[in-house]
Amino acid sequence: MSSIIEERLISHLTTIETVYNITINNKEEVAKWIADSISDEKNALTIATSLNTWVMMNNTGGSITIPMGTVKELQDKLKIIER
């Protein structure tokens, strides 16, 4: 199941790249980390949606690296820790 979630997360992050005309340097790493720590697709999408807002607020154009600490912090704040 994680691989399906990971694929969907990559698709979501790719959409974010398209919308903001940027490259997320660590897209695969972020998707893998979320997929490895979440088994529920809805919870994974909740984190990805939160990342959309984070990217919007932190985008300076060109490319962006999402800090893993930010991903963990969002997961913590959303109380989505399963594994």
PDB file of N, CA and C in Angstrom:
ATOM      1  N   MET A   1       0.819  -1.208   0.000  1.00  0.00           N
ATOM      2  CA  MET A   1       0.000   0.000   0.000  1.00  0.00           C
ATOM      3  C   MET A   1       0.853   1.257   0.000  1.00  0.00           C
ATOM      4  N   SER A   2       1.985   1.245   0.663  1.00  0.00           N
ATOM      5  CA  SER A   2       2.829   2.429   0.714  1.00  0.00           C
ATOM      6  C   SER A   2       3.225   2.922  -0.667  1.00  0.00           C
ATOM      7  N   SER A   3       3.465   2.002  -1.600  1.00  0.00           N
ATOM      8  CA  SER A   3       3.892   2.430  -2.923  1.00  0.00           C
ATOM      9  C   SER A   3       2.781   3.194  -3.643  1.00  0.00           C
ATOM     10  N   ILE A   4       1.528   2.814  -3.440  1.00  0.00           N
ATOM     11  CA  ILE A   4       0.412   3.549  -4.044  1.00  0.00           C
ATOM     12  C   ILE A   4       0.324   4.940  -3.431  1.00  0.00           C
ATOM     13  N   ILE A   5       0.440   5.013  -2.120  1.00  0.00           N
ATOM     14  CA  ILE A   5       0.413   6.306  -1.438  1.00  0.00           C
ATOM     15  C   ILE A   5       1.577   7.160  -1.917  1.00  0.00           C
ATOM     16  N   GLU A   6       2.758   6.571  -2.015  1.00  0.00           N
ATOM     17  CA  GLU A   6       3.936   7.313  -2.468  1.00  0.00           C
ATOM     18  C   GLU A   6       3.732   7.858  -3.885  1.00  0.00           C
ATOM     19  N   GLU A   7       3.183   7.033  -4.776  1.00  0.00           N
ATOM     20  CA  GLU A   7       2.918   7.478  -6.147  1.00  0.00           C
ATOM     21  C   GLU A   7       1.934   8.642  -6.164  1.00  0.00           C
ATOM     22  N   ARG A   8       0.916   8.558  -5.355  1.00  0.00           N
ATOM     23  CA  ARG A   8      -0.085   9.636  -5.303  1.00  0.00           C
ATOM     24  C   ARG A   8       0.491  10.904  -4.698  1.00  0.00           C
ATOM     25  N   LEU A   9       1.358  10.739  -3.708  1.00  0.00           N
ATOM     26  CA  LEU A   9       2.025  11.906  -3.133  1.00  0.00           C
ATOM     27  C   LEU A   9       2.932  12.580  -4.152  1.00  0.00           C
ATOM     28  N   ILE A  10       3.664  11.783  -4.916  1.00  0.00           N
ATOM     29  CA  ILE A  10       4.517  12.353  -5.967  1.00  0.00           C
ATOM     30  C   ILE A  10       3.650  13.103  -6.976  1.00  0.00           C
ATOM     31  N   SER A  11       2.517  12.542  -7.332  1.00  0.00           N
ATOM     32  CA  SER A  11       1.604  13.231  -8.252  1.00  0.00           C
ATOM     33  C   SER A  11       1.124  14.550  -7.667  1.00  0.00           C
ATOM     34  N   HIS A  12       0.786  14.542  -6.389  1.00  0.00           N
ATOM     35  CA  HIS A  12       0.328  15.765  -5.721  1.00  0.00           C
ATOM     36  C   HIS A  12       1.443  16.808  -5.693  1.00  0.00           C
ATOM     37  N   LEU A  13       2.645  16.386  -5.354  1.00  0.00           N
ATOM     38  CA  LEU A  13       3.776  17.311  -5.312  1.00  0.00           C
ATOM     39  C   LEU A  13       4.119  17.820  -6.712  1.00  0.00           C
ATOM     40  N   THR A  14       3.948  16.995  -7.719  1.00  0.00           N
ATOM     41  CA  THR A  14       4.162  17.417  -9.107  1.00  0.00           C
ATOM     42  C   THR A  14       3.140  18.484  -9.495  1.00  0.00           C
ATOM     43  N   THR A  15       1.918  18.326  -9.043  1.00  0.00           N
ATOM     44  CA  THR A  15       0.889  19.339  -9.293  1.00  0.00           C
ATOM     45  C   THR A  15       1.273  20.655  -8.628  1.00  0.00           C
ATOM     46  N   ILE A  16       1.790  20.580  -7.412  1.00  0.00           N
ATOM     47  CA  ILE A  16       2.255  21.791  -6.720  1.00  0.00           C
ATOM     48  C   ILE A  16       3.353  22.460  -7.542  1.00  0.00           C
ATOM     49  N   GLU A  17       4.287  21.666  -8.063  1.00  0.00           N
ATOM     50  CA  GLU A  17       5.354  22.218  -8.909  1.00  0.00           C
ATOM     51  C   GLU A  17       4.776  22.952 -10.118  1.00  0.00           C
ATOM     52  N   THR A  18       3.784  22.344 -10.735  1.00  0.00           N
ATOM     53  CA  THR A  18       3.174  22.928 -11.929  1.00  0.00           C
ATOM     54  C   THR A  18       2.448  24.232 -11.601  1.00  0.00           C
ATOM     55  N   VAL A  19       1.682  24.216 -10.529  1.00  0.00           N
ATOM     56  CA  VAL A  19       0.904  25.396 -10.141  1.00  0.00           C
ATOM     57  C   VAL A  19       1.813  26.582  -9.840  1.00  0.00           C
ATOM     58  N   TYR A  20       2.916  26.339  -9.121  1.00  0.00           N
ATOM     59  CA  TYR A  20       3.802  27.426  -8.714  1.00  0.00           C
ATOM     60  C   TYR A  20       5.014  27.601  -9.634  1.00  0.00           C
ATOM     61  N   ASN A  21       5.064  26.785 -10.710  1.00  0.00           N
ATOM     62  CA  ASN A  21       6.154  26.856 -11.681  1.00  0.00           C
ATOM     63  C   ASN A  21       7.520  26.751 -10.997  1.00  0.00           C
ATOM     64  N   ILE A  22       7.655  25.725 -10.168  1.00  0.00           N
ATOM     65  CA  ILE A  22       8.891  25.488  -9.420  1.00  0.00           C
ATOM     66  C   ILE A  22       9.298  24.024  -9.554  1.00  0.00           C
ATOM     67  N   THR A  23      10.454  23.717  -9.013  1.00  0.00           N
ATOM     68  CA  THR A  23      10.910  22.339  -8.858  1.00  0.00           C
ATOM     69  C   THR A  23      11.074  22.081  -7.367  1.00  0.00           C
ATOM     70  N   ILE A  24      10.483  21.003  -6.887  1.00  0.00           N
ATOM     71  CA  ILE A  24      10.707  20.579  -5.503  1.00  0.00           C
ATOM     72  C   ILE A  24      11.886  19.618  -5.549  1.00  0.00           C
ATOM     73  N   ASN A  25      13.027  20.072  -5.040  1.00  0.00           N
ATOM     74  CA  ASN A  25      14.276  19.320  -5.150  1.00  0.00           C
ATOM     75  C   ASN A  25      14.216  17.940  -4.509  1.00  0.00           C
ATOM     76  N   ASN A  26      13.463  17.814  -3.426  1.00  0.00           N
ATOM     77  CA  ASN A  26      13.425  16.543  -2.696  1.00  0.00           C
ATOM     78  C   ASN A  26      12.031  15.914  -2.713  1.00  0.00           C
ATOM     79  N   LYS A  27      11.364  16.042  -3.838  1.00  0.00           N
ATOM     80  CA  LYS A  27       9.993  15.536  -3.986  1.00  0.00           C
ATOM     81  C   LYS A  27       9.889  14.049  -3.642  1.00  0.00           C
ATOM     82  N   GLU A  28      10.774  13.235  -4.195  1.00  0.00           N
ATOM     83  CA  GLU A  28      10.710  11.795  -3.958  1.00  0.00           C
ATOM     84  C   GLU A  28      10.990  11.451  -2.494  1.00  0.00           C
ATOM     85  N   GLU A  29      11.959  12.146  -1.908  1.00  0.00           N
ATOM     86  CA  GLU A  29      12.297  11.911  -0.499  1.00  0.00           C
ATOM     87  C   GLU A  29      11.110  12.244   0.410  1.00  0.00           C
ATOM     88  N   VAL A  30      10.469  13.374   0.146  1.00  0.00           N
ATOM     89  CA  VAL A  30       9.313  13.787   0.946  1.00  0.00           C
ATOM     90  C   VAL A  30       8.180  12.767   0.794  1.00  0.00           C
ATOM     91  N   ALA A  31       7.887  12.379  -0.448  1.00  0.00           N
ATOM     92  CA  ALA A  31       6.812  11.419  -0.693  1.00  0.00           C
ATOM     93  C   ALA A  31       7.100  10.086  -0.012  1.00  0.00           C
ATOM     94  N   LYS A  32       8.336   9.625  -0.095  1.00  0.00           N
ATOM     95  CA  LYS A  32       8.710   8.351   0.524  1.00  0.00           C
ATOM     96  C   LYS A  32       8.592   8.430   2.044  1.00  0.00           C
ATOM     97  N   TRP A  33       9.068   9.514   2.634  1.00  0.00           N
ATOM     98  CA  TRP A  33       9.018   9.655   4.083  1.00  0.00           C
ATOM     99  C   TRP A  33       7.572   9.639   4.576  1.00  0.00           C
ATOM    100  N   ILE A  34       6.706  10.391   3.895  1.00  0.00           N
ATOM    101  CA  ILE A  34       5.294  10.418   4.301  1.00  0.00           C
ATOM    102  C   ILE A  34       4.672   9.033   4.124  1.00  0.00           C
ATOM    103  N   ALA A  35       4.896   8.432   2.961  1.00  0.00           N
ATOM    104  CA  ALA A  35       4.316   7.111   2.682  1.00  0.00           C
ATOM    105  C   ALA A  35       4.799   6.057   3.670  1.00  0.00           C
ATOM    106  N   ASP A  36       6.064   6.152   4.087  1.00  0.00           N
ATOM    107  CA  ASP A  36       6.604   5.175   5.043  1.00  0.00           C
ATOM    108  C   ASP A  36       6.060   5.370   6.451  1.00  0.00           C
ATOM    109  N   SER A  37       5.547   6.576   6.745  1.00  0.00           N
ATOM    110  CA  SER A  37       5.082   6.831   8.108  1.00  0.00           C
ATOM    111  C   SER A  37       3.560   6.873   8.220  1.00  0.00           C
ATOM    112  N   ILE A  38       2.860   6.787   7.093  1.00  0.00           N
ATOM    113  CA  ILE A  38       1.401   6.884   7.074  1.00  0.00           C
ATOM    114  C   ILE A  38       0.839   5.722   6.276  1.00  0.00           C
ATOM    115  N   SER A  39      -0.176   5.069   6.809  1.00  0.00           N
ATOM    116  CA  SER A  39      -0.798   3.981   6.051  1.00  0.00           C
ATOM    117  C   SER A  39      -2.156   4.375   5.482  1.00  0.00           C
ATOM    118  N   ASP A  40      -2.687   5.488   5.929  1.00  0.00           N
ATOM    119  CA  ASP A  40      -3.991   5.943   5.472  1.00  0.00           C
ATOM    120  C   ASP A  40      -3.820   7.026   4.399  1.00  0.00           C
ATOM    121  N   GLU A  41      -4.380   6.772   3.234  1.00  0.00           N
ATOM    122  CA  GLU A  41      -4.219   7.696   2.109  1.00  0.00           C
ATOM    123  C   GLU A  41      -4.799   9.085   2.417  1.00  0.00           C
ATOM    124  N   LYS A  42      -5.896   9.144   3.128  1.00  0.00           N
ATOM    125  CA  LYS A  42      -6.516  10.425   3.480  1.00  0.00           C
ATOM    126  C   LYS A  42      -5.569  11.259   4.348  1.00  0.00           C
ATOM    127  N   ASN A  43      -4.920  10.624   5.311  1.00  0.00           N
ATOM    128  CA  ASN A  43      -3.975  11.335   6.165  1.00  0.00           C
ATOM    129  C   ASN A  43      -2.764  11.815   5.363  1.00  0.00           C
ATOM    130  N   ALA A  44      -2.318  10.987   4.423  1.00  0.00           N
ATOM    131  CA  ALA A  44      -1.187  11.383   3.576  1.00  0.00           C
ATOM    132  C   ALA A  44      -1.564  12.606   2.745  1.00  0.00           C
ATOM    133  N   LEU A  45      -2.779  12.630   2.206  1.00  0.00           N
ATOM    134  CA  LEU A  45      -3.233  13.768   1.421  1.00  0.00           C
ATOM    135  C   LEU A  45      -3.368  15.024   2.277  1.00  0.00           C
ATOM    136  N   THR A  46      -3.767  14.845   3.529  1.00  0.00           N
ATOM    137  CA  THR A  46      -3.863  15.992   4.442  1.00  0.00           C
ATOM    138  C   THR A  46      -2.499  16.649   4.613  1.00  0.00           C
ATOM    139  N   ILE A  47      -1.463  15.849   4.774  1.00  0.00           N
ATOM    140  CA  ILE A  47      -0.107  16.392   4.899  1.00  0.00           C
ATOM    141  C   ILE A  47       0.309  17.057   3.589  1.00  0.00           C
ATOM    142  N   ALA A  48       0.033  16.414   2.463  1.00  0.00           N
ATOM    143  CA  ALA A  48       0.404  16.980   1.160  1.00  0.00           C
ATOM    144  C   ALA A  48      -0.308  18.310   0.916  1.00  0.00           C
ATOM    145  N   THR A  49      -1.553  18.404   1.326  1.00  0.00           N
ATOM    146  CA  THR A  49      -2.298  19.648   1.174  1.00  0.00           C
ATOM    147  C   THR A  49      -1.684  20.747   2.042  1.00  0.00           C
ATOM    148  N   SER A  50      -1.263  20.391   3.233  1.00  0.00           N
ATOM    149  CA  SER A  50      -0.579  21.349   4.107  1.00  0.00           C
ATOM    150  C   SER A  50       0.741  21.799   3.489  1.00  0.00           C
ATOM    151  N   LEU A  51       1.432  20.866   2.828  1.00  0.00           N
ATOM    152  CA  LEU A  51       2.677  21.220   2.149  1.00  0.00           C
ATOM    153  C   LEU A  51       2.422  22.201   1.007  1.00  0.00           C
ATOM    154  N   ASN A  52       1.268  22.084   0.363  1.00  0.00           N
ATOM    155  CA  ASN A  52       0.916  23.042  -0.678  1.00  0.00           C
ATOM    156  C   ASN A  52       0.922  24.462  -0.114  1.00  0.00           C
ATOM    157  N   THR A  53       0.314  24.633   1.040  1.00  0.00           N
ATOM    158  CA  THR A  53       0.284  25.947   1.684  1.00  0.00           C
ATOM    159  C   THR A  53       1.689  26.376   2.079  1.00  0.00           C
ATOM    160  N   TRP A  54       2.477  25.452   2.608  1.00  0.00           N
ATOM    161  CA  TRP A  54       3.854  25.787   2.998  1.00  0.00           C
ATOM    162  C   TRP A  54       4.650  26.257   1.778  1.00  0.00           C
ATOM    163  N   VAL A  55       4.524  25.537   0.676  1.00  0.00           N
ATOM    164  CA  VAL A  55       5.246  25.919  -0.553  1.00  0.00           C
ATOM    165  C   VAL A  55       4.787  27.296  -1.021  1.00  0.00           C
ATOM    166  N   MET A  56       3.487  27.534  -1.004  1.00  0.00           N
ATOM    167  CA  MET A  56       2.959  28.831  -1.427  1.00  0.00           C
ATOM    168  C   MET A  56       3.572  29.962  -0.607  1.00  0.00           C
ATOM    169  N   MET A  57       3.693  29.749   0.693  1.00  0.00           N
ATOM    170  CA  MET A  57       4.207  30.798   1.582  1.00  0.00           C
ATOM    171  C   MET A  57       5.729  30.944   1.524  1.00  0.00           C
ATOM    172  N   ASN A  58       6.438  29.913   1.098  1.00  0.00           N
ATOM    173  CA  ASN A  58       7.898  29.923   1.124  1.00  0.00           C
ATOM    174  C   ASN A  58       8.544  29.907  -0.257  1.00  0.00           C
ATOM    175  N   ASN A  59       7.744  29.959  -1.290  1.00  0.00           N
ATOM    176  CA  ASN A  59       8.228  29.898  -2.660  1.00  0.00           C
ATOM    177  C   ASN A  59       8.900  31.218  -3.054  1.00  0.00           C
ATOM    178  N   THR A  60      10.137  31.121  -3.497  1.00  0.00           N
ATOM    179  CA  THR A  60      10.839  32.308  -4.005  1.00  0.00           C
ATOM    180  C   THR A  60      11.113  32.159  -5.501  1.00  0.00           C
ATOM    181  N   GLY A  61      10.562  31.123  -6.102  1.00  0.00           N
ATOM    182  CA  GLY A  61      10.725  30.894  -7.531  1.00  0.00           C
ATOM    183  C   GLY A  61      11.863  29.940  -7.823  1.00  0.00           C
ATOM    184  N   GLY A  62      11.796  29.307  -8.954  1.00  0.00           N
ATOM    185  CA  GLY A  62      12.866  28.403  -9.376  1.00  0.00           C
ATOM    186  C   GLY A  62      12.755  27.027  -8.766  1.00  0.00           C
ATOM    187  N   SER A  63      13.357  26.852  -7.621  1.00  0.00           N
ATOM    188  CA  SER A  63      13.307  25.553  -6.951  1.00  0.00           C
ATOM    189  C   SER A  63      13.230  25.755  -5.444  1.00  0.00           C
ATOM    190  N   ILE A  64      12.765  24.702  -4.794  1.00  0.00           N
ATOM    191  CA  ILE A  64      12.605  24.757  -3.340  1.00  0.00           C
ATOM    192  C   ILE A  64      12.883  23.364  -2.773  1.00  0.00           C
ATOM    193  N   THR A  65      13.472  23.346  -1.606  1.00  0.00           N
ATOM    194  CA  THR A  65      13.677  22.095  -0.873  1.00  0.00           C
ATOM    195  C   THR A  65      12.792  22.158   0.367  1.00  0.00           C
ATOM    196  N   ILE A  66      11.942  21.168   0.507  1.00  0.00           N
ATOM    197  CA  ILE A  66      11.073  21.109   1.681  1.00  0.00           C
ATOM    198  C   ILE A  66      11.865  20.459   2.810  1.00  0.00           C
ATOM    199  N   PRO A  67      12.126  21.195   3.890  1.00  0.00           N
ATOM    200  CA  PRO A  67      12.861  20.592   4.997  1.00  0.00           C
ATOM    201  C   PRO A  67      12.080  19.430   5.615  1.00  0.00           C
ATOM    202  N   MET A  68      12.770  18.334   5.874  1.00  0.00           N
ATOM    203  CA  MET A  68      12.098  17.181   6.472  1.00  0.00           C
ATOM    204  C   MET A  68      11.542  17.547   7.843  1.00  0.00           C
ATOM    205  N   GLY A  69      12.187  18.458   8.528  1.00  0.00           N
ATOM    206  CA  GLY A  69      11.667  18.926   9.811  1.00  0.00           C
ATOM    207  C   GLY A  69      10.290  19.560   9.660  1.00  0.00           C
ATOM    208  N   THR A  70      10.077  20.240   8.546  1.00  0.00           N
ATOM    209  CA  THR A  70       8.774  20.842   8.270  1.00  0.00           C
ATOM    210  C   THR A  70       7.724  19.765   8.048  1.00  0.00           C
ATOM    211  N   VAL A  71       8.082  18.727   7.314  1.00  0.00           N
ATOM    212  CA  VAL A  71       7.156  17.615   7.075  1.00  0.00           C
ATOM    213  C   VAL A  71       6.789  16.968   8.408  1.00  0.00           C
ATOM    214  N   LYS A  72       7.785  16.714   9.250  1.00  0.00           N
ATOM    215  CA  LYS A  72       7.536  16.097  10.553  1.00  0.00           C
ATOM    216  C   LYS A  72       6.693  17.010  11.437  1.00  0.00           C
ATOM    217  N   GLU A  73       6.979  18.307  11.388  1.00  0.00           N
ATOM    218  CA  GLU A  73       6.227  19.271  12.191  1.00  0.00           C
ATOM    219  C   GLU A  73       4.757  19.316  11.762  1.00  0.00           C
ATOM    220  N   LEU A  74       4.514  19.318  10.448  1.00  0.00           N
ATOM    221  CA  LEU A  74       3.134  19.300   9.961  1.00  0.00           C
ATOM    222  C   LEU A  74       2.426  18.030  10.410  1.00  0.00           C
ATOM    223  N   GLN A  75       3.115  16.917  10.298  1.00  0.00           N
ATOM    224  CA  GLN A  75       2.534  15.640  10.705  1.00  0.00           C
ATOM    225  C   GLN A  75       2.196  15.674  12.196  1.00  0.00           C
ATOM    226  N   ASP A  76       3.099  16.225  12.981  1.00  0.00           N
ATOM    227  CA  ASP A  76       2.886  16.358  14.418  1.00  0.00           C
ATOM    228  C   ASP A  76       1.686  17.252  14.727  1.00  0.00           C
ATOM    229  N   LYS A  77       1.643  18.414  14.098  1.00  0.00           N
ATOM    230  CA  LYS A  77       0.562  19.366  14.345  1.00  0.00           C
ATOM    231  C   LYS A  77      -0.788  18.801  13.918  1.00  0.00           C
ATOM    232  N   LEU A  78      -0.775  17.999  12.883  1.00  0.00           N
ATOM    233  CA  LEU A  78      -2.013  17.397  12.412  1.00  0.00           C
ATOM    234  C   LEU A  78      -2.344  16.116  13.184  1.00  0.00           C
ATOM    235  N   LYS A  79      -1.456  15.761  14.108  1.00  0.00           N
ATOM    236  CA  LYS A  79      -1.630  14.558  14.935  1.00  0.00           C
ATOM    237  C   LYS A  79      -1.762  13.301  14.072  1.00  0.00           C
ATOM    238  N   ILE A  80      -0.959  13.247  13.019  1.00  0.00           N
ATOM    239  CA  ILE A  80      -1.011  12.111  12.104  1.00  0.00           C
ATOM    240  C   ILE A  80       0.303  11.354  12.195  1.00  0.00           C
ATOM    241  N   ILE A  81       0.390  10.532  13.201  1.00  0.00           N
ATOM    242  CA  ILE A  81       1.570   9.672  13.358  1.00  0.00           C
ATOM    243  C   ILE A  81       1.038   8.275  13.582  1.00  0.00           C
ATOM    244  N   GLU A  82       1.352   7.395  12.666  1.00  0.00           N
ATOM    245  CA  GLU A  82       0.807   6.058  12.744  1.00  0.00           C
ATOM    246  C   GLU A  82       1.848   4.997  13.008  1.00  0.00           C
ATOM    247  N   ARG A  83       3.046   5.167  12.425  1.00  0.00           N
ATOM    248  CA  ARG A  83       4.040   4.095  12.522  1.00  0.00           C
ATOM    249  C   ARG A  83       5.225   4.556  13.307  1.00  0.00           C
TER     250      ARG A  83
END
